[in-house]
C-alpha cells in the first residue's frame, strides 16, 4: 500500500512540475536592439497602461474596475496573448518581451516573446 501512495505522490509532484514549466509566467529575456527599444518608447510615451524598459521589456498593466471583481484565468491568458502576440507583434517579432500584469483578485503576470507566442496559443 505504501508503494502505491509513494507512486501517487511522485506522479502528482511530476504533474505539478510539468504544469509549471508550461506556464507563461516565467520571466523571459529580450534580444531587441536599441533602435527597436527606442521606437517602442516613443510609441508608448504618455500611455498610462504601458511602460518600456531600457532592456526591451514592454510592461502592460490592467486593473479591475472595483473590489467586487476578480480575474478569470482563461481571460488573463486570452488578453495577454492578444496584447503580446497580436497588437504588439511588431515589437515581439524584433526581440522584445511583453510583461502583462493583471492586478487585483486572482491576477497574475504573464510574459511573452515570439517563441512563446508561437507555442502558447490559448485558443487550441
PDB file of N, CA and C in Angstrom:
ATOM      1  N   UNK A   1       0.819  -1.198   0.000  1.00  0.00           N
ATOM      2  CA  UNK A   1       0.000   0.000   0.000  1.00  0.00           C
ATOM      3  C   UNK A   1       0.859   1.256   0.000  1.00  0.00           C
ATOM      4  N   UNK A   2       1.966   1.230   0.789  1.00  0.00           N
ATOM      5  CA  UNK A   2       2.842   2.393   0.838  1.00  0.00           C
ATOM      6  C   UNK A   2       3.470   2.672  -0.522  1.00  0.00           C
ATOM      7  N   UNK A   3       3.741   1.619  -1.276  1.00  0.00           N
ATOM      8  CA  UNK A   3       4.329   1.787  -2.602  1.00  0.00           C
ATOM      9  C   UNK A   3       3.373   2.548  -3.515  1.00  0.00           C
ATOM     10  N   UNK A   4       2.104   2.218  -3.444  1.00  0.00           N
ATOM     11  CA  UNK A   4       1.102   2.906  -4.263  1.00  0.00           C
ATOM     12  C   UNK A   4       0.999   4.372  -3.858  1.00  0.00           C
ATOM     13  N   UNK A   5       1.020   4.645  -2.558  1.00  0.00           N
ATOM     14  CA  UNK A   5       0.951   6.029  -2.086  1.00  0.00           C
ATOM     15  C   UNK A   5       2.172   6.822  -2.544  1.00  0.00           C
ATOM     16  N   UNK A   6       3.346   6.224  -2.440  1.00  0.00           N
ATOM     17  CA  UNK A   6       4.571   6.903  -2.883  1.00  0.00           C
ATOM     18  C   UNK A   6       4.532   7.162  -4.381  1.00  0.00           C
ATOM     19  N   UNK A   7       4.068   6.172  -5.126  1.00  0.00           N
ATOM     20  CA  UNK A   7       3.960   6.329  -6.570  1.00  0.00           C
ATOM     21  C   UNK A   7       2.984   7.450  -6.911  1.00  0.00           C
ATOM     22  N   UNK A   8       1.864   7.479  -6.222  1.00  0.00           N
ATOM     23  CA  UNK A   8       0.875   8.537  -6.446  1.00  0.00           C
ATOM     24  C   UNK A   8       1.424   9.911  -6.107  1.00  0.00           C
ATOM     25  N   UNK A   9       2.158  10.008  -5.013  1.00  0.00           N
ATOM     26  CA  UNK A   9       2.771  11.267  -4.609  1.00  0.00           C
ATOM     27  C   UNK A   9       3.811  11.716  -5.629  1.00  0.00           C
ATOM     28  N   UNK A  10       4.636  10.783  -6.085  1.00  0.00           N
ATOM     29  CA  UNK A  10       5.658  11.108  -7.088  1.00  0.00           C
ATOM     30  C   UNK A  10       5.012  11.562  -8.392  1.00  0.00           C
ATOM     31  N   UNK A  11       3.947  10.890  -8.785  1.00  0.00           N
ATOM     32  CA  UNK A  11       3.235  11.252 -10.007  1.00  0.00           C
ATOM     33  C   UNK A  11       2.604  12.633  -9.884  1.00  0.00           C
ATOM     34  N   UNK A  12       2.036  12.938  -8.736  1.00  0.00           N
ATOM     35  CA  UNK A  12       1.451  14.260  -8.500  1.00  0.00           C
ATOM     36  C   UNK A  12       2.514  15.347  -8.553  1.00  0.00           C
ATOM     37  N   UNK A  13       3.649  15.101  -7.924  1.00  0.00           N
ATOM     38  CA  UNK A  13       4.744  16.080  -7.938  1.00  0.00           C
ATOM     39  C   UNK A  13       5.244  16.299  -9.357  1.00  0.00           C
ATOM     40  N   UNK A  14       5.364  15.228 -10.129  1.00  0.00           N
ATOM     41  CA  UNK A  14       5.793  15.353 -11.521  1.00  0.00           C
ATOM     42  C   UNK A  14       4.793  16.179 -12.316  1.00  0.00           C
ATOM     43  N   UNK A  15       3.506  15.933 -12.095  1.00  0.00           N
ATOM     44  CA  UNK A  15       2.467  16.698 -12.783  1.00  0.00           C
ATOM     45  C   UNK A  15       2.535  18.175 -12.455  1.00  0.00           C
ATOM     46  N   UNK A  16       2.777  18.491 -11.199  1.00  0.00           N
ATOM     47  CA  UNK A  16       2.902  19.894 -10.802  1.00  0.00           C
ATOM     48  C   UNK A  16       4.114  20.546 -11.449  1.00  0.00           C
ATOM     49  N   UNK A  17       5.241  19.852 -11.451  1.00  0.00           N
ATOM     50  CA  UNK A  17       6.449  20.418 -12.052  1.00  0.00           C
ATOM     51  C   UNK A  17       6.271  20.602 -13.551  1.00  0.00           C
ATOM     52  N   UNK A  18       5.684  19.648 -14.225  1.00  0.00           N
ATOM     53  CA  UNK A  18       5.459  19.744 -15.655  1.00  0.00           C
ATOM     54  C   UNK A  18       4.497  20.870 -15.963  1.00  0.00           C
ATOM     55  N   UNK A  19       3.429  20.978 -15.198  1.00  0.00           N
ATOM     56  CA  UNK A  19       2.457  22.044 -15.406  1.00  0.00           C
ATOM     57  C   UNK A  19       3.074  23.408 -15.221  1.00  0.00           C
ATOM     58  N   UNK A  20       3.947  23.558 -14.245  1.00  0.00           N
ATOM     59  CA  UNK A  20       4.603  24.839 -14.004  1.00  0.00           C
ATOM     60  C   UNK A  20       5.515  25.219 -15.153  1.00  0.00           C
ATOM     61  N   UNK A  21       6.122  24.246 -15.799  1.00  0.00           N
ATOM     62  CA  UNK A  21       7.019  24.546 -16.903  1.00  0.00           C
ATOM     63  C   UNK A  21       6.257  24.986 -18.143  1.00  0.00           C
ATOM     64  N   UNK A  22       4.994  24.693 -18.231  1.00  0.00           N
ATOM     65  CA  UNK A  22       4.213  25.046 -19.399  1.00  0.00           C
ATOM     66  C   UNK A  22       3.553  26.412 -19.282  1.00  0.00           C
ATOM     67  N   UNK A  23       3.688  27.067 -18.153  1.00  0.00           N
ATOM     68  CA  UNK A  23       3.039  28.356 -17.973  1.00  0.00           C
ATOM     69  C   UNK A  23       3.841  29.457 -18.624  1.00  0.00           C
ATOM     70  N   UNK A  24       3.199  30.591 -18.842  1.00  0.00           N
ATOM     71  CA  UNK A  24       3.873  31.741 -19.435  1.00  0.00           C
ATOM     72  C   UNK A  24       4.124  32.809 -18.387  1.00  0.00           C
ATOM     73  N   UNK A  25       4.295  32.389 -17.140  1.00  0.00           N
ATOM     74  CA  UNK A  25       4.545  33.357 -16.080  1.00  0.00           C
ATOM     75  C   UNK A  25       6.019  33.415 -15.689  1.00  0.00           C
ATOM     76  N   UNK A  26       6.857  32.721 -16.434  1.00  0.00           N
ATOM     77  CA  UNK A  26       8.290  32.766 -16.177  1.00  0.00           C
ATOM     78  C   UNK A  26       8.898  33.937 -16.940  1.00  0.00           C
ATOM     79  N   UNK A  27       9.742  34.739 -16.291  1.00  0.00           N
ATOM     80  CA  UNK A  27      10.363  35.872 -16.993  1.00  0.00           C
ATOM     81  C   UNK A  27      11.189  35.417 -18.196  1.00  0.00           C
ATOM     82  N   UNK A  28      11.161  36.220 -19.238  1.00  0.00           N
ATOM     83  CA  UNK A  28      11.930  35.963 -20.455  1.00  0.00           C
ATOM     84  C   UNK A  28      12.919  37.104 -20.647  1.00  0.00           C
ATOM     85  N   UNK A  29      13.903  36.895 -21.499  1.00  0.00           N
ATOM     86  CA  UNK A  29      14.934  37.904 -21.697  1.00  0.00           C
ATOM     87  C   UNK A  29      14.898  38.424 -23.128  1.00  0.00           C
ATOM     88  N   UNK A  30      14.759  39.748 -23.284  1.00  0.00           N
ATOM     89  CA  UNK A  30      14.661  40.336 -24.620  1.00  0.00           C
ATOM     90  C   UNK A  30      15.986  40.292 -25.381  1.00  0.00           C
ATOM     91  N   UNK A  31      15.868  40.311 -26.707  1.00  0.00           N
ATOM     92  CA  UNK A  31      17.036  40.344 -27.583  1.00  0.00           C
ATOM     93  C   UNK A  31      16.972  41.535 -28.533  1.00  0.00           C
ATOM     94  N   UNK A  32      16.062  42.456 -28.289  1.00  0.00           N
ATOM     95  CA  UNK A  32      15.856  43.604 -29.183  1.00  0.00           C
ATOM     96  C   UNK A  32      17.051  44.552 -29.152  1.00  0.00           C
ATOM     97  N   UNK A  33      17.280  45.219 -30.290  1.00  0.00           N
ATOM     98  CA  UNK A  33      18.349  46.213 -30.345  1.00  0.00           C
ATOM     99  C   UNK A  33      17.831  47.564 -29.828  1.00  0.00           C
ATOM    100  N   UNK A  34      18.740  48.497 -29.620  1.00  0.00           N
ATOM    101  CA  UNK A  34      18.376  49.795 -29.041  1.00  0.00           C
ATOM    102  C   UNK A  34      17.442  50.594 -29.941  1.00  0.00           C
ATOM    103  N   UNK A  35      17.552  50.444 -31.242  1.00  0.00           N
ATOM    104  CA  UNK A  35      16.669  51.159 -32.177  1.00  0.00           C
ATOM    105  C   UNK A  35      15.216  50.713 -31.979  1.00  0.00           C
ATOM    106  N   UNK A  36      15.010  49.421 -31.844  1.00  0.00           N
ATOM    107  CA  UNK A  36      13.666  48.872 -31.620  1.00  0.00           C
ATOM    108  C   UNK A  36      13.118  49.327 -30.268  1.00  0.00           C
ATOM    109  N   UNK A  37      13.960  49.288 -29.249  1.00  0.00           N
ATOM    110  CA  UNK A  37      13.539  49.706 -27.908  1.00  0.00           C
ATOM    111  C   UNK A  37      13.160  51.182 -27.903  1.00  0.00           C
ATOM    112  N   UNK A  38      13.960  52.012 -28.557  1.00  0.00           N
ATOM    113  CA  UNK A  38      13.668  53.445 -28.614  1.00  0.00           C
ATOM    114  C   UNK A  38      12.382  53.707 -29.392  1.00  0.00           C
ATOM    115  N   UNK A  39      12.153  52.956 -30.442  1.00  0.00           N
ATOM    116  CA  UNK A  39      10.918  53.080 -31.219  1.00  0.00           C
ATOM    117  C   UNK A  39       9.701  52.771 -30.344  1.00  0.00           C
ATOM    118  N   UNK A  40       9.794  51.721 -29.547  1.00  0.00           N
ATOM    119  CA  UNK A  40       8.694  51.362 -28.642  1.00  0.00           C
ATOM    120  C   UNK A  40       8.492  52.436 -27.584  1.00  0.00           C
ATOM    121  N   UNK A  41       9.584  52.961 -27.041  1.00  0.00           N
ATOM    122  CA  UNK A  41       9.473  54.030 -26.037  1.00  0.00           C
ATOM    123  C   UNK A  41       8.752  55.240 -26.613  1.00  0.00           C
ATOM    124  N   UNK A  42       9.083  55.594 -27.843  1.00  0.00           N
ATOM    125  CA  UNK A  42       8.428  56.738 -28.488  1.00  0.00           C
ATOM    126  C   UNK A  42       6.944  56.469 -28.727  1.00  0.00           C
ATOM    127  N   UNK A  43       6.620  55.268 -29.172  1.00  0.00           N
ATOM    128  CA  UNK A  43       5.222  54.935 -29.471  1.00  0.00           C
ATOM    129  C   UNK A  43       4.344  54.917 -28.220  1.00  0.00           C
ATOM    130  N   UNK A  44       4.871  54.426 -27.110  1.00  0.00           N
ATOM    131  CA  UNK A  44       4.065  54.280 -25.896  1.00  0.00           C
ATOM    132  C   UNK A  44       4.238  55.420 -24.903  1.00  0.00           C
ATOM    133  N   UNK A  45       4.981  56.435 -25.285  1.00  0.00           N
ATOM    134  CA  UNK A  45       5.195  57.585 -24.406  1.00  0.00           C
ATOM    135  C   UNK A  45       3.851  58.235 -24.073  1.00  0.00           C
ATOM    136  N   UNK A  46       3.610  58.427 -22.793  1.00  0.00           N
ATOM    137  CA  UNK A  46       2.371  59.058 -22.347  1.00  0.00           C
ATOM    138  C   UNK A  46       1.195  58.112 -22.182  1.00  0.00           C
ATOM    139  N   UNK A  47       1.357  56.850 -22.524  1.00  0.00           N
ATOM    140  CA  UNK A  47       0.277  55.872 -22.353  1.00  0.00           C
ATOM    141  C   UNK A  47       0.407  55.260 -20.966  1.00  0.00           C
ATOM    142  N   UNK A  48      -0.586  55.472 -20.146  1.00  0.00           N
ATOM    143  CA  UNK A  48      -0.545  55.055 -18.744  1.00  0.00           C
ATOM    144  C   UNK A  48      -0.397  53.546 -18.553  1.00  0.00           C
ATOM    145  N   UNK A  49      -1.005  52.758 -19.423  1.00  0.00           N
ATOM    146  CA  UNK A  49      -1.005  51.301 -19.263  1.00  0.00           C
ATOM    147  C   UNK A  49       0.304  50.648 -19.680  1.00  0.00           C
ATOM    148  N   UNK A  50       1.137  51.365 -20.454  1.00  0.00           N
ATOM    149  CA  UNK A  50       2.356  50.774 -21.000  1.00  0.00           C
ATOM    150  C   UNK A  50       3.600  51.480 -20.478  1.00  0.00           C
ATOM    151  N   UNK A  51       4.657  50.689 -20.328  1.00  0.00           N
ATOM    152  CA  UNK A  51       5.965  51.217 -19.956  1.00  0.00           C
ATOM    153  C   UNK A  51       7.012  50.358 -20.661  1.00  0.00           C
ATOM    154  N   UNK A  52       8.032  51.002 -21.201  1.00  0.00           N
ATOM    155  CA  UNK A  52       9.088  50.279 -21.906  1.00  0.00           C
ATOM    156  C   UNK A  52      10.397  50.460 -21.145  1.00  0.00           C
ATOM    157  N   UNK A  53      11.022  49.349 -20.782  1.00  0.00           N
ATOM    158  CA  UNK A  53      12.286  49.408 -20.035  1.00  0.00           C
ATOM    159  C   UNK A  53      13.461  49.564 -20.998  1.00  0.00           C
ATOM    160  N   UNK A  54      14.594  49.956 -20.455  1.00  0.00           N
ATOM    161  CA  UNK A  54      15.805  50.134 -21.257  1.00  0.00           C
ATOM    162  C   UNK A  54      16.343  48.824 -21.816  1.00  0.00           C
ATOM    163  N   UNK A  55      15.958  47.702 -21.214  1.00  0.00           N
ATOM    164  CA  UNK A  55      16.455  46.413 -21.705  1.00  0.00           C
ATOM    165  C   UNK A  55      15.500  45.723 -22.676  1.00  0.00           C
ATOM    166  N   UNK A  56      14.352  46.343 -22.993  1.00  0.00           N
ATOM    167  CA  UNK A  56      13.481  45.801 -24.033  1.00  0.00           C
ATOM    168  C   UNK A  56      12.251  45.058 -23.566  1.00  0.00           C
ATOM    169  N   UNK A  57      11.785  45.343 -22.364  1.00  0.00           N
ATOM    170  CA  UNK A  57      10.552  44.725 -21.865  1.00  0.00           C
ATOM    171  C   UNK A  57       9.433  45.761 -21.925  1.00  0.00           C
ATOM    172  N   UNK A  58       8.354  45.413 -22.618  1.00  0.00           N
ATOM    173  CA  UNK A  58       7.164  46.259 -22.646  1.00  0.00           C
ATOM    174  C   UNK A  58       6.252  45.757 -21.537  1.00  0.00           C
ATOM    175  N   UNK A  59       5.993  46.604 -20.554  1.00  0.00           N
ATOM    176  CA  UNK A  59       5.115  46.227 -19.440  1.00  0.00           C
ATOM    177  C   UNK A  59       3.733  46.805 -19.671  1.00  0.00           C
ATOM    178  N   UNK A  60       2.732  45.949 -19.555  1.00  0.00           N
ATOM    179  CA  UNK A  60       1.330  46.348 -19.671  1.00  0.00           C
ATOM    180  C   UNK A  60       0.656  46.044 -18.347  1.00  0.00           C
ATOM    181  N   UNK A  61      -0.137  46.996 -17.848  1.00  0.00           N
ATOM    182  CA  UNK A  61      -0.850  46.799 -16.585  1.00  0.00           C
ATOM    183  C   UNK A  61      -2.357  46.966 -16.798  1.00  0.00           C
ATOM    184  N   UNK A  62      -3.113  46.017 -16.275  1.00  0.00           N
ATOM    185  CA  UNK A  62      -4.573  46.090 -16.306  1.00  0.00           C
ATOM    186  C   UNK A  62      -5.084  45.951 -14.882  1.00  0.00           C
ATOM    187  N   UNK A  63      -6.027  46.805 -14.539  1.00  0.00           N
ATOM    188  CA  UNK A  63      -6.605  46.787 -13.189  1.00  0.00           C
ATOM    189  C   UNK A  63      -8.087  46.444 -13.274  1.00  0.00           C
ATOM    190  N   UNK A  64      -8.580  45.856 -12.216  1.00  0.00           N
ATOM    191  CA  UNK A  64     -10.010  45.560 -12.124  1.00  0.00           C
ATOM    192  C   UNK A  64     -10.782  46.839 -11.823  1.00  0.00           C
ATOM    193  N   UNK A  65     -12.043  46.915 -12.242  1.00  0.00           N
ATOM    194  CA  UNK A  65     -12.825  48.134 -12.013  1.00  0.00           C
ATOM    195  C   UNK A  65     -13.226  48.369 -10.558  1.00  0.00           C
ATOM    196  N   UNK A  66     -13.174  47.353  -9.725  1.00  0.00           N
ATOM    197  CA  UNK A  66     -13.568  47.539  -8.331  1.00  0.00           C
ATOM    198  C   UNK A  66     -13.268  46.327  -7.478  1.00  0.00           C
ATOM    199  N   UNK A  67     -13.511  46.439  -6.175  1.00  0.00           N
ATOM    200  CA  UNK A  67     -13.169  45.355  -5.242  1.00  0.00           C
ATOM    201  C   UNK A  67     -14.052  44.113  -5.373  1.00  0.00           C
ATOM    202  N   UNK A  68     -15.194  44.225  -5.999  1.00  0.00           N
ATOM    203  CA  UNK A  68     -16.091  43.071  -6.129  1.00  0.00           C
ATOM    204  C   UNK A  68     -15.795  42.228  -7.369  1.00  0.00           C
ATOM    205  N   UNK A  69     -14.745  42.563  -8.097  1.00  0.00           N
ATOM    206  CA  UNK A  69     -14.402  41.863  -9.333  1.00  0.00           C
ATOM    207  C   UNK A  69     -13.173  40.992  -9.117  1.00  0.00           C
ATOM    208  N   UNK A  70     -12.991  40.002  -9.987  1.00  0.00           N
ATOM    209  CA  UNK A  70     -11.792  39.167  -9.959  1.00  0.00           C
ATOM    210  C   UNK A  70     -11.470  38.719 -11.380  1.00  0.00           C
ATOM    211  N   UNK A  71     -10.197  38.390 -11.589  1.00  0.00           N
ATOM    212  CA  UNK A  71      -9.745  37.924 -12.895  1.00  0.00           C
ATOM    213  C   UNK A  71     -10.056  36.445 -13.055  1.00  0.00           C
ATOM    214  N   UNK A  72     -10.475  36.070 -14.247  1.00  0.00           N
ATOM    215  CA  UNK A  72     -10.655  34.663 -14.580  1.00  0.00           C
ATOM    216  C   UNK A  72      -9.433  34.215 -15.369  1.00  0.00           C
ATOM    217  N   UNK A  73      -8.936  33.049 -15.056  1.00  0.00           N
ATOM    218  CA  UNK A  73      -7.691  32.542 -15.623  1.00  0.00           C
ATOM    219  C   UNK A  73      -7.704  32.534 -17.153  1.00  0.00           C
ATOM    220  N   UNK A  74      -8.780  32.060 -17.757  1.00  0.00           N
ATOM    221  CA  UNK A  74      -8.844  31.987 -19.214  1.00  0.00           C
ATOM    222  C   UNK A  74      -8.802  33.379 -19.837  1.00  0.00           C
ATOM    223  N   UNK A  75      -9.376  34.364 -19.143  1.00  0.00           N
ATOM    224  CA  UNK A  75      -9.399  35.731 -19.668  1.00  0.00           C
ATOM    225  C   UNK A  75      -8.002  36.349 -19.621  1.00  0.00           C
ATOM    226  N   UNK A  76      -7.265  36.085 -18.551  1.00  0.00           N
ATOM    227  CA  UNK A  76      -5.884  36.568 -18.457  1.00  0.00           C
ATOM    228  C   UNK A  76      -5.066  35.977 -19.599  1.00  0.00           C
ATOM    229  N   UNK A  77      -5.204  34.691 -19.824  1.00  0.00           N
ATOM    230  CA  UNK A  77      -4.463  34.008 -20.892  1.00  0.00           C
ATOM    231  C   UNK A  77      -4.811  34.595 -22.256  1.00  0.00           C
ATOM    232  N   UNK A  78      -6.100  34.802 -22.496  1.00  0.00           N
ATOM    233  CA  UNK A  78      -6.554  35.338 -23.776  1.00  0.00           C
ATOM    234  C   UNK A  78      -6.066  36.771 -23.985  1.00  0.00           C
ATOM    235  N   UNK A  79      -6.249  37.625 -22.979  1.00  0.00           N
ATOM    236  CA  UNK A  79      -5.849  39.025 -23.106  1.00  0.00           C
ATOM    237  C   UNK A  79      -4.340  39.177 -23.249  1.00  0.00           C
ATOM    238  N   UNK A  80      -3.577  38.453 -22.450  1.00  0.00           N
ATOM    239  CA  UNK A  80      -2.117  38.581 -22.533  1.00  0.00           C
ATOM    240  C   UNK A  80      -1.606  38.096 -23.886  1.00  0.00           C
ATOM    241  N   UNK A  81      -2.209  37.052 -24.424  1.00  0.00           N
ATOM    242  CA  UNK A  81      -1.826  36.575 -25.758  1.00  0.00           C
ATOM    243  C   UNK A  81      -2.164  37.618 -26.816  1.00  0.00           C
ATOM    244  N   UNK A  82      -3.380  38.160 -26.778  1.00  0.00           N
ATOM    245  CA  UNK A  82      -3.796  39.141 -27.783  1.00  0.00           C
ATOM    246  C   UNK A  82      -2.939  40.403 -27.730  1.00  0.00           C
ATOM    247  N   UNK A  83      -2.650  40.882 -26.533  1.00  0.00           N
ATOM    248  CA  UNK A  83      -1.824  42.080 -26.387  1.00  0.00           C
ATOM    249  C   UNK A  83      -0.420  41.816 -26.924  1.00  0.00           C
ATOM    250  N   UNK A  84       0.171  40.710 -26.513  1.00  0.00           N
ATOM    251  CA  UNK A  84       1.563  40.416 -26.866  1.00  0.00           C
ATOM    252  C   UNK A  84       1.738  39.951 -28.303  1.00  0.00           C
ATOM    253  N   UNK A  85       0.910  39.032 -28.730  1.00  0.00           N
ATOM    254  CA  UNK A  85       1.141  38.323 -29.985  1.00  0.00           C
ATOM    255  C   UNK A  85       0.320  38.850 -31.154  1.00  0.00           C
ATOM    256  N   UNK A  86      -0.642  39.720 -30.883  1.00  0.00           N
ATOM    257  CA  UNK A  86      -1.435  40.314 -31.956  1.00  0.00           C
ATOM    258  C   UNK A  86      -1.135  41.807 -32.046  1.00  0.00           C
ATOM    259  N   UNK A  87      -1.457  42.553 -30.988  1.00  0.00           N
ATOM    260  CA  UNK A  87      -1.300  44.005 -31.029  1.00  0.00           C
ATOM    261  C   UNK A  87       0.163  44.449 -31.019  1.00  0.00           C
ATOM    262  N   UNK A  88       1.025  43.750 -30.305  1.00  0.00           N
ATOM    263  CA  UNK A  88       2.433  44.150 -30.190  1.00  0.00           C
ATOM    264  C   UNK A  88       3.365  43.229 -30.968  1.00  0.00           C
ATOM    265  N   UNK A  89       2.820  42.499 -31.915  1.00  0.00           N
ATOM    266  CA  UNK A  89       3.621  41.519 -32.654  1.00  0.00           C
ATOM    267  C   UNK A  89       4.811  42.146 -33.366  1.00  0.00           C
ATOM    268  N   UNK A  90       4.685  43.391 -33.815  1.00  0.00           N
ATOM    269  CA  UNK A  90       5.778  44.079 -34.494  1.00  0.00           C
ATOM    270  C   UNK A  90       7.005  44.193 -33.588  1.00  0.00           C
ATOM    271  N   UNK A  91       6.793  44.443 -32.312  1.00  0.00           N
ATOM    272  CA  UNK A  91       7.907  44.558 -31.363  1.00  0.00           C
ATOM    273  C   UNK A  91       8.378  43.192 -30.866  1.00  0.00           C
ATOM    274  N   UNK A  92       7.448  42.306 -30.616  1.00  0.00           N
ATOM    275  CA  UNK A  92       7.799  40.960 -30.152  1.00  0.00           C
ATOM    276  C   UNK A  92       8.612  40.239 -31.227  1.00  0.00           C
ATOM    277  N   UNK A  93       8.238  40.441 -32.477  1.00  0.00           N
ATOM    278  CA  UNK A  93       8.942  39.832 -33.602  1.00  0.00           C
ATOM    279  C   UNK A  93      10.386  40.327 -33.705  1.00  0.00           C
ATOM    280  N   UNK A  94      10.654  41.507 -33.178  1.00  0.00           N
ATOM    281  CA  UNK A  94      12.002  42.089 -33.236  1.00  0.00           C
ATOM    282  C   UNK A  94      12.764  41.920 -31.918  1.00  0.00           C
ATOM    283  N   UNK A  95      12.322  40.991 -31.082  1.00  0.00           N
ATOM    284  CA  UNK A  95      13.103  40.611 -29.909  1.00  0.00           C
ATOM    285  C   UNK A  95      12.660  41.190 -28.580  1.00  0.00           C
ATOM    286  N   UNK A  96      11.571  41.934 -28.561  1.00  0.00           N
ATOM    287  CA  UNK A  96      11.107  42.486 -27.289  1.00  0.00           C
ATOM    288  C   UNK A  96      10.256  41.453 -26.553  1.00  0.00           C
ATOM    289  N   UNK A  97      10.138  41.634 -25.256  1.00  0.00           N
ATOM    290  CA  UNK A  97       9.324  40.772 -24.397  1.00  0.00           C
ATOM    291  C   UNK A  97       8.190  41.616 -23.841  1.00  0.00           C
ATOM    292  N   UNK A  98       6.996  41.041 -23.774  1.00  0.00           N
ATOM    293  CA  UNK A  98       5.848  41.731 -23.189  1.00  0.00           C
ATOM    294  C   UNK A  98       5.538  41.095 -21.841  1.00  0.00           C
ATOM    295  N   UNK A  99       5.458  41.945 -20.837  1.00  0.00           N
ATOM    296  CA  UNK A  99       5.091  41.524 -19.479  1.00  0.00           C
ATOM    297  C   UNK A  99       3.707  42.113 -19.204  1.00  0.00           C
ATOM    298  N   UNK A 100       2.700  41.268 -19.122  1.00  0.00           N
ATOM    299  CA  UNK A 100       1.331  41.711 -18.853  1.00  0.00           C
ATOM    300  C   UNK A 100       0.991  41.424 -17.399  1.00  0.00           C
ATOM    301  N   UNK A 101       0.687  42.482 -16.661  1.00  0.00           N
ATOM    302  CA  UNK A 101       0.344  42.354 -15.236  1.00  0.00           C
ATOM    303  C   UNK A 101      -1.144  42.598 -15.061  1.00  0.00           C
ATOM    304  N   UNK A 102      -1.819  41.626 -14.514  1.00  0.00           N
ATOM    305  CA  UNK A 102      -3.246  41.743 -14.239  1.00  0.00           C
ATOM    306  C   UNK A 102      -3.393  41.900 -12.734  1.00  0.00           C
ATOM    307  N   UNK A 103      -3.652  43.129 -12.322  1.00  0.00           N
ATOM    308  CA  UNK A 103      -3.643  43.489 -10.907  1.00  0.00           C
ATOM    309  C   UNK A 103      -5.013  43.307 -10.277  1.00  0.00           C
ATOM    310  N   UNK A 104      -5.041  42.783  -9.077  1.00  0.00           N
ATOM    311  CA  UNK A 104      -6.287  42.579  -8.351  1.00  0.00           C
ATOM    312  C   UNK A 104      -6.491  41.114  -8.016  1.00  0.00           C
ATOM    313  N   UNK A 105      -7.677  40.817  -7.531  1.00  0.00           N
ATOM    314  CA  UNK A 105      -8.006  39.457  -7.095  1.00  0.00           C
ATOM    315  C   UNK A 105      -7.806  38.443  -8.218  1.00  0.00           C
ATOM    316  N   UNK A 106      -7.084  37.375  -7.910  1.00  0.00           N
ATOM    317  CA  UNK A 106      -6.766  36.279  -8.831  1.00  0.00           C
ATOM    318  C   UNK A 106      -5.910  36.716 -10.022  1.00  0.00           C
ATOM    319  N   UNK A 107      -5.316  37.879  -9.936  1.00  0.00           N
ATOM    320  CA  UNK A 107      -4.468  38.373 -11.015  1.00  0.00           C
ATOM    321  C   UNK A 107      -3.121  37.676 -11.032  1.00  0.00           C
ATOM    322  N   UNK A 108      -2.396  37.862 -12.100  1.00  0.00           N
ATOM    323  CA  UNK A 108      -1.052  37.298 -12.222  1.00  0.00           C
ATOM    324  C   UNK A 108      -0.299  38.033 -13.328  1.00  0.00           C
ATOM    325  N   UNK A 109       0.932  37.631 -13.525  1.00  0.00           N
ATOM    326  CA  UNK A 109       1.794  38.233 -14.540  1.00  0.00           C
ATOM    327  C   UNK A 109       2.092  37.186 -15.606  1.00  0.00           C
ATOM    328  N   UNK A 110       1.996  37.592 -16.861  1.00  0.00           N
ATOM    329  CA  UNK A 110       2.292  36.717 -17.998  1.00  0.00           C
ATOM    330  C   UNK A 110       3.406  37.349 -18.826  1.00  0.00           C
ATOM    331  N   UNK A 111       4.332  36.537 -19.333  1.00  0.00           N
ATOM    332  CA  UNK A 111       5.421  37.003 -20.196  1.00  0.00           C
ATOM    333  C   UNK A 111       5.304  36.323 -21.557  1.00  0.00           C
ATOM    334  N   UNK A 112       5.525  37.100 -22.609  1.00  0.00           N
ATOM    335  CA  UNK A 112       5.525  36.542 -23.960  1.00  0.00           C
ATOM    336  C   UNK A 112       6.691  37.089 -24.765  1.00  0.00           C
ATOM    337  N   UNK A 113       7.353  36.203 -25.499  1.00  0.00           N
ATOM    338  CA  UNK A 113       8.281  36.569 -26.554  1.00  0.00           C
ATOM    339  C   UNK A 113       7.776  35.845 -27.804  1.00  0.00           C
ATOM    340  N   UNK A 114       8.489  35.957 -28.917  1.00  0.00           N
ATOM    341  CA  UNK A 114       7.989  35.366 -30.156  1.00  0.00           C
ATOM    342  C   UNK A 114       7.851  33.848 -30.044  1.00  0.00           C
ATOM    343  N   UNK A 115       8.805  33.198 -29.413  1.00  0.00           N
ATOM    344  CA  UNK A 115       8.724  31.741 -29.274  1.00  0.00           C
ATOM    345  C   UNK A 115       7.482  31.332 -28.486  1.00  0.00           C
ATOM    346  N   UNK A 116       7.222  32.027 -27.412  1.00  0.00           N
ATOM    347  CA  UNK A 116       6.057  31.701 -26.594  1.00  0.00           C
ATOM    348  C   UNK A 116       4.760  32.020 -27.342  1.00  0.00           C
ATOM    349  N   UNK A 117       4.769  33.070 -28.157  1.00  0.00           N
ATOM    350  CA  UNK A 117       3.585  33.377 -28.973  1.00  0.00           C
ATOM    351  C   UNK A 117       3.273  32.220 -29.920  1.00  0.00           C
ATOM    352  N   UNK A 118       4.320  31.629 -30.474  1.00  0.00           N
ATOM    353  CA  UNK A 118       4.127  30.525 -31.416  1.00  0.00           C
ATOM    354  C   UNK A 118       3.672  29.245 -30.705  1.00  0.00           C
ATOM    355  N   UNK A 119       4.145  29.038 -29.472  1.00  0.00           N
ATOM    356  CA  UNK A 119       3.884  27.787 -28.763  1.00  0.00           C
ATOM    357  C   UNK A 119       2.682  27.816 -27.825  1.00  0.00           C
ATOM    358  N   UNK A 120       2.275  28.985 -27.360  1.00  0.00           N
ATOM    359  CA  UNK A 120       1.276  29.086 -26.290  1.00  0.00           C
ATOM    360  C   UNK A 120      -0.028  29.733 -26.729  1.00  0.00           C
ATOM    361  N   UNK A 121      -0.569  29.333 -27.843  1.00  0.00           N
ATOM    362  CA  UNK A 121      -1.830  29.895 -28.295  1.00  0.00           C
ATOM    363  C   UNK A 121      -2.948  29.427 -27.372  1.00  0.00           C
ATOM    364  N   UNK A 122      -3.687  30.363 -26.738  1.00  0.00           N
ATOM    365  CA  UNK A 122      -4.722  29.961 -25.784  1.00  0.00           C
ATOM    366  C   UNK A 122      -5.985  29.414 -26.439  1.00  0.00           C
ATOM    367  N   UNK A 123      -6.065  29.441 -27.758  1.00  0.00           N
ATOM    368  CA  UNK A 123      -7.294  29.046 -28.447  1.00  0.00           C
ATOM    369  C   UNK A 123      -7.235  27.624 -28.977  1.00  0.00           C
ATOM    370  N   UNK A 124      -6.197  26.871 -28.599  1.00  0.00           N
ATOM    371  CA  UNK A 124      -6.049  25.492 -29.089  1.00  0.00           C
ATOM    372  C   UNK A 124      -6.985  24.555 -28.377  1.00  0.00           C
TER     373      UNK A 124
END
